[in-house]
Protein backbone atom coordinates (compact mmCIF):
# COMPACT_ATOMS: atom_id res chain seq x y z
CA MET A 1 123.34 156.72 241.75
CA THR A 2 122.30 159.51 244.90
CA GLU A 3 119.35 160.73 246.06
CA THR A 4 118.59 164.55 246.67
CA VAL A 5 116.73 164.56 249.80
CA THR A 6 114.19 167.96 250.42
CA GLU A 7 114.47 169.54 253.50
CA GLU A 8 109.84 169.94 253.37
CA ARG A 9 108.27 166.35 253.43
CA GLY A 10 111.80 164.83 254.12
CA THR A 11 111.82 163.30 250.61
CA THR A 12 113.40 162.36 247.97
CA LYS A 13 113.69 164.19 244.50
CA ASN A 14 113.26 160.63 243.07
CA ASP A 15 109.78 160.35 245.44
CA GLN A 16 108.70 162.94 244.67
CA TRP A 17 109.06 162.33 240.70
CA ARG A 18 107.10 159.25 240.70
CA GLU A 19 104.81 160.75 242.83
CA ARG A 20 104.25 163.51 240.10
CA LEU A 21 104.11 160.22 237.19
CA THR A 22 101.40 158.43 239.37
CA ALA A 23 99.66 161.84 239.71
CA GLN A 24 99.30 162.66 235.67
CA GLU A 25 99.22 158.45 235.17
CA ARG A 26 95.77 158.37 237.19
CA SER A 27 94.45 162.34 236.99
CA GLY A 28 93.98 161.16 232.83
CA VAL A 29 94.28 163.84 231.14
CA SER A 30 97.45 164.60 228.65
CA VAL A 31 101.03 164.54 229.65
CA ARG A 32 101.26 168.74 227.76
CA GLN A 33 97.90 170.09 229.69
CA PHE A 34 99.40 167.84 233.13
CA CYS A 35 102.40 170.22 232.68
CA LYS A 36 100.74 172.62 232.35
CA GLU A 37 98.35 173.35 234.93
CA GLN A 38 101.22 171.67 237.80
CA GLY A 39 104.04 174.89 236.38
CA LEU A 40 106.40 171.79 235.05
CA THR A 41 108.44 171.16 231.83
CA GLU A 42 107.59 168.68 229.07
CA CYS A 43 111.05 168.34 228.93
CA SER A 44 111.63 166.97 232.94
CA PHE A 45 108.52 165.48 233.25
CA TYR A 46 110.09 162.91 230.47
CA ALA A 47 113.23 162.91 231.11
CA TRP A 48 112.37 161.60 235.07
CA ARG A 49 110.08 159.31 233.45
CA LYS A 50 112.88 157.77 231.67
CA ARG A 51 115.34 157.91 234.46
CA LEU A 52 112.82 156.49 237.35
CA SER A 53 111.79 153.80 234.16
CA GLY A 54 115.22 152.22 234.45
CA GLN A 55 115.25 151.82 237.64
CA GLY A 56 113.56 148.03 237.30
CA PRO A 57 111.76 146.44 239.21
CA VAL A 58 113.48 145.41 243.44
CA ARG A 59 114.59 142.07 244.07
CA PHE A 60 114.80 139.99 246.70
CA ALA A 61 117.91 137.70 248.26
CA LEU A 62 117.60 135.32 250.84
CA VAL A 63 120.74 134.86 251.94
CA GLU A 64 121.52 132.06 254.70
CA ARG A 65 123.90 133.26 257.88
CA GLY A 66 125.94 131.94 259.38
CA PRO A 67 128.91 129.04 259.03
CA ALA A 68 128.98 127.69 255.44
CA ARG A 69 129.16 123.90 257.59
CA GLN A 70 126.51 123.36 259.72
CA ALA A 71 124.01 121.09 260.34
CA PRO A 72 120.21 122.36 259.40
CA ALA A 73 119.16 123.70 261.78
CA THR A 74 114.56 123.22 262.90
CA GLU A 75 115.25 127.34 262.20
CA ALA A 76 116.99 128.96 259.35
CA SER A 77 118.38 132.21 260.26
CA LEU A 78 117.65 134.56 257.13
CA GLU A 79 118.64 138.08 255.82
CA VAL A 80 116.72 140.37 253.39
CA PHE A 81 118.81 142.14 250.75
CA VAL A 82 117.02 144.86 248.81
CA TYR A 83 118.83 145.95 245.99
CA ARG A 84 117.52 147.57 241.77
CA ALA A 85 118.67 146.68 238.60
CA GLY A 86 121.36 149.20 237.38
CA ASP A 87 122.99 149.46 241.33
C-alpha cells in the first residue's frame, strides 16, 4: 500500500487520519458529533478507521548478519527489520 504525503506538514494521509481517530477517542464525544465539529463525513471516518485497523501490529525480526557458517563471536551483528501485517 502506498501512502500519499501531504505538502502541509510532510505527513501522510494515514498519519493525519490516525491523529483524527485518536482525537475522537480522547474527546469522549460520539463519532457523529466529532465528525460534525471537524467537518468530516461519518462515512469517511468509519472507512479510515477500518482501513487503518487492518494494518495490524508492528512486528520486529532480528536477523543475524554475516556468513552462515561462522564461529560464534563475542558480539552478534544483528539487523532489525520492521514490517506490518499485510505488507
